[in-house]
Amino acid sequence: MADDLAFQGVAGQAELVRSGEVSARELVEASLARIERLDPELNAFGAVYAEKALAEADRADQRRAAGQTRPLLGVPIAVKDEMDIGGEVTSRGTGAVVRRAPDDSEIVKRIRAAGAIVVGKTTMPEVGLWPFTESITWGVTRNPWDIDRTPGGSSGGSAAAVAAGMVPGALAADGAGSIRIPAACCNLFGLKPQSGRVPRTPHYGDENHWICFGALTSSVADSALMLDVIADGSFPPPRPPGPLRIAVSEVFPAGTRGRLTDETLAALHGTADLLRELGHEVVEADLPVGVRDGLLIVGLMFRGIREFVREMERPQRLERRTRAMGQPGRLISDGTVERLLRAEARLAERVGRLFAEHDVLLTPMMSEPAVPAGIMEGRGAIATYVWSTTWVPFNVLWNSTGQPAASVPAGFSAAGLPLAVQLVGRPHDEATLLALGAQLEEARPWAGRRPPITDSA
């Protein structure tokens, strides 16, 4: 029963509390018990707030008894350690931050206002730089589907926590695929919302416009519920979409090199075939993106990393690889940044023409499933960056253009590792991605299969 309760999802757990079948305290106790049993092996949490969470659960039960209703009342949720929780250090995966946050960030305030109970903070790589979740400060976070593999990054702790049933949902952030990559590694649905959809206050300024806050959940409906709570705008439960025109591309972005594994390619083609069976028109298309566009993205990325490094309180504590990644940005002047931003706007306009003729774009998520944990341990900044472009080059463009994109589960490899594809929507059109994702989930359910590590829970 405890295992079944853990995998009821966000909406399912909220309904159990609302109906009185389960108390908020029982939910939080079950979450904390799973964290205690599973996290020593997974290392998904950097901090757990057991006493505070239990006290909040008791208050939630009092509210329910008084007839109050809130969409997430009593549901335990984890927060990526990139978002402020009042009185706690927001480490962003590093020991270079020591100041405690004076207040909750806006996104945390919103989930609390909806009745959610924050049980802890989840791990991330230092400053969120990598598509794996490993750091000198917090160690190696592991994938519940195979503990020798990474759960992805940078929201890898959030993904591992949800996939293992330690929480039904977790807040996450995406600056170059950091929601979608962990979702793909862990058999979750991961939506990067439209840029600016979810407030980031007090984090990040306009110079970090790529970074979007969102959530990781097991199901599309749960992601829609979380987005409805945290976003500016209304996101009701997704409805079946009408016939859509969907472009598909399996080509690596210009300026990157790599090869899709046979299983990754089969997942892409299989999803395209399923979409056709569901009544959609699926056609091949080329992205209007060239090598110069890749260079402008790299330039803006390195300048952004430089800003991350500069704002650290104790920069001498940063990993050598992080400090090295901050160096190239010193060569990019303010004037160059302005020119790059103008070129980025033209890129978004050019890419937008593809979506004038197509409702959605279907691409690979990664060139292969979750890679071994520690695969780049001891490697330098450039070697790690180049390697990452061979594994996860399909994501960052959509942070640059700002439009929504989602990772959708697409089966499993022969080794039992999750496979996934990416859906990209028109600007401001999360609703179509949620609707199409829900349709795929109904046709090819994924949430019922649980990772091997949960057998020990």
Protein backbone atom coordinates (compact mmCIF):
# COMPACT_ATOMS: atom_id res chain seq x y z
CA MET A 1 0.00 0.00 0.00
CA ALA A 2 2.82 2.43 0.84
CA ASP A 3 4.38 1.76 -2.57
CA ASP A 4 1.08 2.33 -4.33
CA LEU A 5 0.55 5.57 -2.41
CA ALA A 6 3.99 6.83 -3.42
CA PHE A 7 3.13 6.49 -7.12
CA GLN A 8 -0.33 8.07 -7.06
CA GLY A 9 1.09 11.24 -8.59
CA VAL A 10 0.45 14.87 -7.68
CA ALA A 11 -3.23 14.93 -8.59
CA GLY A 12 -3.85 11.49 -7.14
CA GLN A 13 -2.30 12.35 -3.78
CA ALA A 14 -4.15 15.66 -3.67
CA GLU A 15 -7.45 13.85 -4.27
CA LEU A 16 -6.70 11.32 -1.50
CA VAL A 17 -6.23 14.18 0.96
CA ARG A 18 -9.26 16.05 -0.35
CA SER A 19 -11.49 12.99 0.06
CA GLY A 20 -10.14 12.23 3.53
CA GLU A 21 -8.94 8.78 2.50
CA VAL A 22 -5.37 9.72 3.46
CA SER A 23 -4.17 12.51 5.71
CA ALA A 24 -1.48 15.00 4.76
CA ARG A 25 0.59 13.71 7.67
CA GLU A 26 0.40 10.16 6.31
CA LEU A 27 1.55 11.39 2.89
CA VAL A 28 4.48 13.29 4.33
CA GLU A 29 5.46 10.43 6.63
CA ALA A 30 5.43 8.06 3.65
CA SER A 31 7.56 10.50 1.63
CA LEU A 32 10.08 10.93 4.42
CA ALA A 33 10.28 7.16 4.97
CA ARG A 34 11.07 6.57 1.30
CA ILE A 35 13.69 9.30 1.35
CA GLU A 36 15.30 7.69 4.38
CA ARG A 37 15.35 4.26 2.69
CA LEU A 38 16.26 5.19 -0.88
CA ASP A 39 18.22 8.41 -0.82
CA PRO A 40 21.42 7.02 0.71
CA GLU A 41 21.83 5.17 -2.59
CA LEU A 42 20.40 7.81 -4.94
CA ASN A 43 21.64 11.05 -3.34
CA ALA A 44 18.73 13.08 -4.74
CA PHE A 45 18.37 15.36 -1.70
CA GLY A 46 20.83 17.92 -0.39
CA ALA A 47 18.56 18.78 2.55
CA VAL A 48 15.43 17.26 4.10
CA TYR A 49 13.12 19.31 6.34
CA ALA A 50 11.37 16.52 8.23
CA GLU A 51 10.17 18.42 11.32
CA LYS A 52 8.98 21.44 9.35
CA ALA A 53 7.23 19.23 6.79
CA LEU A 54 5.38 17.24 9.46
CA ALA A 55 4.29 20.45 11.19
CA GLU A 56 3.02 21.81 7.85
CA ALA A 57 1.21 18.52 7.24
CA ASP A 58 -0.65 18.86 10.54
CA ARG A 59 -1.71 22.39 9.56
CA ALA A 60 -2.86 21.08 6.17
CA ASP A 61 -5.02 18.46 7.89
CA GLN A 62 -6.53 21.19 10.07
CA ARG A 63 -7.36 23.21 6.95
CA ARG A 64 -9.00 20.22 5.30
CA ALA A 65 -11.03 19.53 8.45
CA ALA A 66 -12.17 23.16 8.38
CA GLY A 67 -13.43 22.68 4.81
CA GLN A 68 -10.62 24.51 3.03
CA THR A 69 -9.64 23.29 -0.43
CA ARG A 70 -6.43 23.98 -2.29
CA PRO A 71 -5.15 22.25 -5.44
CA LEU A 72 -2.02 20.76 -3.79
CA LEU A 73 -3.22 20.58 -0.18
CA GLY A 74 -1.05 18.13 1.75
CA VAL A 75 1.07 16.99 -1.21
CA PRO A 76 4.83 16.63 -0.51
CA ILE A 77 6.95 18.43 -3.10
CA ALA A 78 10.73 18.80 -3.50
CA VAL A 79 12.49 22.00 -4.59
CA LYS A 80 15.58 22.17 -6.77
CA ASP A 81 18.46 23.83 -4.91
CA GLU A 82 18.32 26.72 -7.38
CA MET A 83 15.26 28.32 -5.78
CA ASP A 84 15.19 30.16 -2.47
CA ILE A 85 13.61 28.69 0.63
CA GLY A 86 13.55 31.27 3.40
CA GLY A 87 16.24 30.68 6.02
CA GLU A 88 18.12 28.12 3.91
CA VAL A 89 21.21 28.34 1.70
CA THR A 90 20.43 28.14 -2.01
CA SER A 91 23.66 26.37 -2.90
CA ARG A 92 23.09 25.88 -6.66
CA GLY A 93 25.22 22.77 -6.33
CA THR A 94 28.28 24.47 -4.90
CA GLY A 95 29.99 25.33 -1.64
CA ALA A 96 30.70 28.79 -3.04
CA VAL A 97 27.35 30.08 -1.70
CA VAL A 98 27.00 30.61 2.06
CA ARG A 99 24.33 33.30 2.49
CA ARG A 100 20.89 32.17 3.67
CA ALA A 101 17.88 33.29 1.68
CA PRO A 102 15.76 35.92 3.48
CA ASP A 103 12.50 34.62 2.02
CA ASP A 104 10.96 32.02 -0.28
CA SER A 105 11.30 32.59 -4.00
CA GLU A 106 8.06 33.39 -5.82
CA ILE A 107 7.68 29.88 -7.24
CA VAL A 108 8.01 28.34 -3.76
CA LYS A 109 5.47 30.83 -2.40
CA ARG A 110 3.03 29.72 -5.09
CA ILE A 111 3.25 26.00 -4.35
CA ARG A 112 2.92 26.69 -0.62
CA ALA A 113 -0.12 28.88 -1.28
CA ALA A 114 -1.60 25.95 -3.22
CA GLY A 115 -1.15 23.77 -0.13
CA ALA A 116 1.99 21.83 -1.07
CA ILE A 117 4.44 20.81 1.63
CA VAL A 118 8.15 21.28 0.90
CA VAL A 119 10.00 18.19 2.17
CA GLY A 120 13.50 19.06 0.96
CA LYS A 121 15.92 20.46 -1.58
CA THR A 122 17.24 18.40 -4.49
CA THR A 123 20.77 18.13 -5.84
CA MET A 124 22.21 19.66 -9.00
CA PRO A 125 25.65 19.97 -10.64
CA GLU A 126 27.66 23.03 -9.74
CA VAL A 127 25.90 26.17 -11.01
CA GLY A 128 23.74 23.88 -13.19
CA LEU A 129 26.37 23.62 -15.91
CA TRP A 130 26.17 19.96 -16.89
CA PRO A 131 23.68 17.36 -18.17
CA PHE A 132 24.63 15.08 -15.27
CA THR A 133 24.20 15.71 -11.54
CA GLU A 134 27.59 15.43 -9.85
CA SER A 135 29.60 17.90 -7.81
CA ILE A 136 32.41 18.07 -5.30
CA THR A 137 29.99 19.58 -2.78
CA TRP A 138 27.07 17.14 -3.08
CA GLY A 139 28.59 14.05 -4.66
CA VAL A 140 27.06 11.85 -7.37
CA THR A 141 23.30 11.57 -7.87
CA ARG A 142 22.15 8.29 -9.39
CA ASN A 143 19.33 7.11 -11.62
CA PRO A 144 16.59 4.95 -10.03
CA TRP A 145 16.38 2.90 -13.24
CA ASP A 146 20.06 1.95 -12.99
CA ILE A 147 22.13 3.31 -10.12
CA ASP A 148 25.27 3.09 -12.24
CA ARG A 149 23.74 5.71 -14.58
CA THR A 150 23.14 9.43 -14.27
CA PRO A 151 19.61 10.81 -13.83
CA GLY A 152 20.65 13.66 -16.13
CA GLY A 153 21.08 17.29 -15.21
CA SER A 154 20.94 19.81 -14.11
CA SER A 155 17.62 18.98 -12.38
CA GLY A 156 18.81 15.43 -11.78
CA GLY A 157 18.01 15.35 -8.07
CA SER A 158 14.43 16.41 -8.76
CA ALA A 159 14.06 13.76 -11.44
CA ALA A 160 15.51 10.96 -9.30
CA ALA A 161 13.26 11.94 -6.39
CA VAL A 162 10.10 11.77 -8.51
CA ALA A 163 11.09 8.64 -10.43
CA ALA A 164 11.77 6.77 -7.19
CA GLY A 165 8.45 7.83 -5.66
CA MET A 166 10.06 9.87 -2.89
CA VAL A 167 7.83 12.78 -3.94
CA PRO A 168 5.13 12.92 -6.65
CA GLY A 169 6.48 16.16 -8.10
CA ALA A 170 9.46 18.47 -7.85
CA LEU A 171 10.34 21.98 -8.93
CA ALA A 172 13.05 22.18 -11.57
CA ALA A 173 14.77 24.67 -13.87
CA ASP A 174 15.83 24.53 -17.51
CA GLY A 175 18.57 26.70 -19.05
CA ALA A 176 19.71 24.36 -21.84
CA GLY A 177 17.63 21.21 -21.34
CA SER A 178 17.88 20.87 -17.56
CA ILE A 179 14.23 19.83 -17.10
CA ARG A 180 13.95 17.80 -20.30
CA ILE A 181 17.21 15.82 -20.03
CA PRO A 182 16.50 14.44 -16.53
CA ALA A 183 12.92 13.69 -17.57
CA ALA A 184 14.25 11.68 -20.51
CA CYS A 185 16.74 9.80 -18.33
CA CYS A 186 14.13 8.93 -15.69
CA ASN A 187 10.90 8.14 -17.64
CA LEU A 188 9.16 11.37 -16.61
CA PHE A 189 7.27 14.08 -18.43
CA GLY A 190 9.28 17.30 -18.40
CA LEU A 191 7.97 20.58 -19.82
CA LYS A 192 10.14 23.65 -20.28
CA PRO A 193 7.52 26.41 -20.29
CA GLN A 194 7.55 29.48 -22.46
CA SER A 195 10.27 31.91 -21.37
CA GLY A 196 8.82 34.19 -18.71
CA ARG A 197 5.78 32.02 -18.08
CA VAL A 198 6.84 31.11 -14.53
CA PRO A 199 8.24 33.97 -12.41
CA ARG A 200 11.87 33.54 -11.34
CA THR A 201 11.85 36.26 -8.66
CA PRO A 202 14.30 36.93 -7.02
CA HIS A 203 16.58 34.87 -9.24
CA TYR A 204 18.25 35.86 -12.50
CA GLY A 205 18.00 38.99 -14.57
CA ASP A 206 17.32 39.66 -18.22
CA GLU A 207 20.83 38.49 -19.14
CA ASN A 208 19.79 34.94 -18.14
CA HIS A 209 16.64 34.86 -20.25
CA TRP A 210 17.23 31.23 -21.26
CA ILE A 211 16.45 29.91 -17.79
CA CYS A 212 12.88 28.77 -17.19
CA PHE A 213 11.38 27.42 -13.97
CA GLY A 214 9.01 24.47 -14.10
CA ALA A 215 8.33 21.03 -12.65
CA LEU A 216 9.02 17.34 -13.13
CA THR A 217 6.21 14.79 -12.72
CA SER A 218 5.33 11.28 -13.80
CA SER A 219 2.29 12.23 -15.87
CA VAL A 220 1.22 14.97 -18.26
CA ALA A 221 -1.87 15.77 -16.17
CA ASP A 222 0.32 16.29 -13.11
CA SER A 223 2.57 18.65 -15.07
CA ALA A 224 -0.48 20.62 -16.20
CA LEU A 225 -1.63 20.88 -12.58
CA MET A 226 1.79 22.05 -11.39
CA LEU A 227 2.02 24.58 -14.22
CA ASP A 228 -1.43 25.91 -13.38
CA VAL A 229 -0.18 26.59 -9.85
CA ILE A 230 3.20 28.15 -10.61
CA ALA A 231 2.61 29.97 -13.92
CA ASP A 232 1.18 33.28 -14.95
CA GLY A 233 -1.84 32.00 -16.86
CA SER A 234 -4.40 29.23 -16.61
CA PHE A 235 -3.63 25.62 -17.57
CA PRO A 236 -6.65 23.34 -17.14
CA PRO A 237 -6.34 19.54 -17.53
CA PRO A 238 -5.31 18.77 -21.13
CA ARG A 239 -7.96 17.76 -23.65
CA PRO A 240 -7.40 15.64 -26.77
CA PRO A 241 -6.04 17.79 -29.59
CA GLY A 242 -7.54 17.95 -33.04
CA PRO A 243 -5.49 16.83 -36.04
CA LEU A 244 -2.11 18.53 -36.02
CA ARG A 245 0.60 19.06 -38.60
CA ILE A 246 3.82 17.81 -37.02
CA ALA A 247 7.32 18.27 -38.41
CA VAL A 248 9.96 15.68 -37.55
CA SER A 249 13.74 16.08 -37.71
CA GLU A 250 16.44 13.65 -36.63
CA VAL A 251 19.38 15.79 -37.80
CA PHE A 252 21.99 16.97 -35.31
CA PRO A 253 22.08 20.78 -35.01
CA ALA A 254 24.61 22.56 -37.19
CA GLY A 255 28.00 22.70 -35.55
CA THR A 256 27.50 19.53 -33.49
CA ARG A 257 28.40 15.95 -34.27
CA GLY A 258 27.03 12.68 -33.06
CA ARG A 259 25.00 9.61 -33.90
CA LEU A 260 21.66 8.40 -32.65
CA THR A 261 21.75 4.87 -31.32
CA ASP A 262 19.49 2.38 -33.09
CA GLU A 263 17.13 2.34 -30.10
CA THR A 264 16.96 6.13 -29.89
CA LEU A 265 16.22 6.36 -33.61
CA ALA A 266 13.59 3.63 -33.33
CA ALA A 267 11.91 5.56 -30.48
CA LEU A 268 11.74 8.66 -32.68
CA HIS A 269 10.37 6.81 -35.70
CA GLY A 270 7.99 4.81 -33.52
CA THR A 271 6.59 8.01 -32.03
CA ALA A 272 6.16 9.52 -35.50
CA ASP A 273 4.26 6.40 -36.60
CA LEU A 274 2.07 6.53 -33.49
CA LEU A 275 1.25 10.17 -34.15
CA ARG A 276 0.15 9.25 -37.65
CA GLU A 277 -2.06 6.50 -36.24
CA LEU A 278 -3.59 9.09 -33.92
CA GLY A 279 -4.66 11.13 -36.94
CA HIS A 280 -1.88 13.69 -37.20
CA GLU A 281 0.01 14.62 -40.34
CA VAL A 282 3.73 13.99 -39.78
CA VAL A 283 6.23 15.28 -42.33
CA GLU A 284 9.99 15.58 -42.41
CA ALA A 285 11.42 19.08 -42.13
CA ASP A 286 14.79 20.79 -41.84
CA LEU A 287 15.49 23.30 -39.11
CA PRO A 288 16.50 26.70 -40.55
CA VAL A 289 19.55 26.87 -38.29
CA GLY A 290 23.18 27.16 -39.42
CA VAL A 291 26.66 27.12 -37.94
CA ARG A 292 26.61 30.88 -37.28
CA ASP A 293 23.48 30.41 -35.19
CA GLY A 294 25.30 27.81 -33.15
CA LEU A 295 28.15 30.23 -32.58
CA LEU A 296 25.84 32.97 -31.31
CA ILE A 297 24.25 30.49 -28.88
CA VAL A 298 27.69 29.43 -27.65
CA GLY A 299 28.72 33.07 -27.23
CA LEU A 300 25.67 33.91 -25.14
CA MET A 301 26.08 30.71 -23.13
CA PHE A 302 29.70 31.46 -22.20
CA ARG A 303 28.84 35.04 -21.26
CA GLY A 304 26.03 33.74 -19.04
CA ILE A 305 28.36 31.27 -17.33
CA ARG A 306 30.81 34.08 -16.66
CA GLU A 307 28.04 35.97 -14.86
CA PHE A 308 27.21 32.90 -12.76
CA VAL A 309 30.83 32.61 -11.66
CA ARG A 310 31.17 36.33 -10.91
CA GLU A 311 28.20 36.35 -8.54
CA MET A 312 29.52 33.55 -6.33
CA GLU A 313 30.27 34.63 -2.74
CA ARG A 314 33.28 32.31 -2.38
CA PRO A 315 34.53 31.80 -5.98
CA GLN A 316 37.69 30.11 -4.73
CA ARG A 317 35.50 27.17 -3.70
CA LEU A 318 34.26 26.54 -7.21
CA GLU A 319 35.39 23.43 -9.03
CA ARG A 320 38.29 23.93 -11.41
CA ARG A 321 36.08 22.89 -14.32
CA THR A 322 33.50 25.54 -13.41
CA ARG A 323 36.12 28.28 -13.18
CA ALA A 324 37.49 27.25 -16.57
CA MET A 325 34.01 27.43 -18.11
CA GLY A 326 33.75 31.00 -16.86
CA GLN A 327 36.90 32.15 -18.64
CA PRO A 328 35.74 32.39 -22.30
CA GLY A 329 32.95 34.76 -21.33
CA ARG A 330 35.54 37.39 -20.40
CA LEU A 331 36.25 37.81 -24.12
CA ILE A 332 32.64 38.71 -24.91
CA SER A 333 32.10 42.44 -24.41
CA ASP A 334 28.84 44.17 -23.63
CA GLY A 335 28.74 45.43 -27.21
CA THR A 336 29.19 41.90 -28.52
CA VAL A 337 26.37 40.71 -26.29
CA GLU A 338 24.06 43.33 -27.77
CA ARG A 339 24.91 42.17 -31.28
CA LEU A 340 24.40 38.53 -30.29
CA LEU A 341 21.00 39.33 -28.80
CA ARG A 342 19.92 41.04 -32.01
CA ALA A 343 21.08 38.00 -33.97
CA GLU A 344 19.22 35.77 -31.53
CA ALA A 345 16.00 37.68 -32.18
CA ARG A 346 16.47 37.16 -35.92
CA LEU A 347 17.08 33.45 -35.27
CA ALA A 348 13.82 33.18 -33.34
CA GLU A 349 11.99 34.92 -36.18
CA ARG A 350 13.51 32.54 -38.74
CA VAL A 351 12.69 29.46 -36.67
CA GLY A 352 9.20 30.83 -36.21
CA ARG A 353 8.55 30.41 -39.92
CA LEU A 354 8.71 26.64 -39.44
CA PHE A 355 5.88 26.93 -36.94
CA ALA A 356 3.83 29.03 -39.31
CA GLU A 357 3.38 25.81 -41.28
CA HIS A 358 3.56 23.23 -38.47
CA ASP A 359 1.91 23.02 -35.07
CA VAL A 360 4.62 20.97 -33.36
CA LEU A 361 8.17 19.80 -34.03
CA LEU A 362 9.28 16.28 -33.05
CA THR A 363 13.02 15.68 -32.44
CA PRO A 364 15.25 13.31 -30.49
CA MET A 365 15.84 14.20 -26.85
CA MET A 366 19.31 12.66 -26.58
CA SER A 367 21.57 10.62 -28.82
CA GLU A 368 21.43 7.70 -26.35
CA PRO A 369 19.76 6.87 -23.03
CA ALA A 370 21.18 7.76 -19.63
CA VAL A 371 24.99 7.51 -19.68
CA PRO A 372 27.13 6.05 -16.88
CA ALA A 373 27.50 8.19 -13.78
CA GLY A 374 30.97 9.68 -13.55
CA ILE A 375 31.49 9.42 -17.32
CA MET A 376 33.33 12.76 -17.37
CA GLU A 377 34.91 12.61 -13.93
CA GLY A 378 38.33 14.26 -13.96
CA ARG A 379 37.86 15.70 -17.44
CA GLY A 380 38.38 19.37 -18.20
CA ALA A 381 35.83 22.01 -19.11
CA ILE A 382 36.26 21.92 -22.89
CA ALA A 383 36.33 18.12 -23.07
CA THR A 384 33.15 17.93 -20.98
CA TYR A 385 31.40 20.58 -23.03
CA VAL A 386 32.30 18.97 -26.36
CA TRP A 387 31.17 15.58 -25.10
CA SER A 388 27.84 17.04 -23.97
CA THR A 389 27.18 18.35 -27.48
CA THR A 390 27.37 14.78 -28.78
CA TRP A 391 24.81 13.56 -26.22
CA VAL A 392 22.28 16.37 -25.71
CA PRO A 393 22.54 18.93 -28.55
CA PHE A 394 18.80 19.05 -29.31
CA ASN A 395 17.61 21.21 -26.41
CA VAL A 396 19.36 24.56 -26.05
CA LEU A 397 17.92 26.15 -29.22
CA TRP A 398 14.50 26.31 -27.60
CA ASN A 399 15.87 28.12 -24.57
CA SER A 400 17.30 30.63 -27.01
CA THR A 401 14.03 31.10 -28.92
CA GLY A 402 12.05 30.95 -25.66
CA GLN A 403 9.24 28.70 -26.88
CA PRO A 404 7.95 25.71 -24.91
CA ALA A 405 9.41 22.24 -25.34
CA ALA A 406 8.80 18.92 -23.59
CA SER A 407 10.45 15.56 -23.09
CA VAL A 408 7.99 12.69 -23.54
CA PRO A 409 8.71 9.06 -22.58
CA ALA A 410 8.98 6.74 -25.59
CA GLY A 411 9.61 3.25 -24.24
CA PHE A 412 12.68 1.48 -22.93
CA SER A 413 15.96 0.20 -24.28
CA ALA A 414 16.90 -3.48 -24.20
CA ALA A 415 18.89 -2.69 -21.05
CA GLY A 416 15.78 -1.28 -19.36
CA LEU A 417 16.73 2.39 -19.67
CA PRO A 418 14.06 4.98 -20.48
CA LEU A 419 13.84 6.38 -24.00
CA ALA A 420 12.29 9.73 -24.87
CA VAL A 421 11.51 12.21 -27.64
CA GLN A 422 11.17 15.97 -27.65
CA LEU A 423 8.08 17.94 -28.66
CA VAL A 424 8.54 21.65 -29.41
CA GLY A 425 5.57 23.99 -29.63
CA ARG A 426 4.79 27.38 -31.03
CA PRO A 427 5.62 30.36 -28.83
CA HIS A 428 3.26 30.58 -25.83
CA ASP A 429 1.56 27.29 -26.78
CA GLU A 430 2.20 24.97 -23.86
CA ALA A 431 -1.44 23.88 -24.15
CA THR A 432 -0.85 22.01 -27.41
CA LEU A 433 2.22 20.24 -26.02
CA LEU A 434 0.27 19.18 -22.93
CA ALA A 435 -2.65 17.97 -25.07
CA LEU A 436 -0.42 16.03 -27.46
CA GLY A 437 1.67 14.64 -24.61
CA ALA A 438 -1.48 13.42 -22.85
CA GLN A 439 -2.67 11.77 -26.05
CA LEU A 440 0.65 9.95 -26.41
CA GLU A 441 0.50 8.93 -22.74
CA GLU A 442 -2.98 7.45 -23.20
CA ALA A 443 -1.88 5.53 -26.28
CA ARG A 444 1.44 4.42 -24.80
CA PRO A 445 1.18 4.57 -20.97
CA TRP A 446 4.48 4.93 -19.16
CA ALA A 447 3.78 5.72 -15.51
CA GLY A 448 2.82 2.18 -14.51
CA ARG A 449 6.35 0.82 -14.88
CA ARG A 450 8.46 1.46 -11.78
CA PRO A 451 12.25 1.59 -11.50
CA PRO A 452 14.12 -1.40 -10.05
CA ILE A 453 15.36 0.48 -6.98
CA THR A 454 11.77 0.75 -5.71
CA ASP A 455 11.68 -3.03 -5.26
CA SER A 456 13.74 -2.44 -2.13
CA ALA A 457 11.28 0.12 -0.79
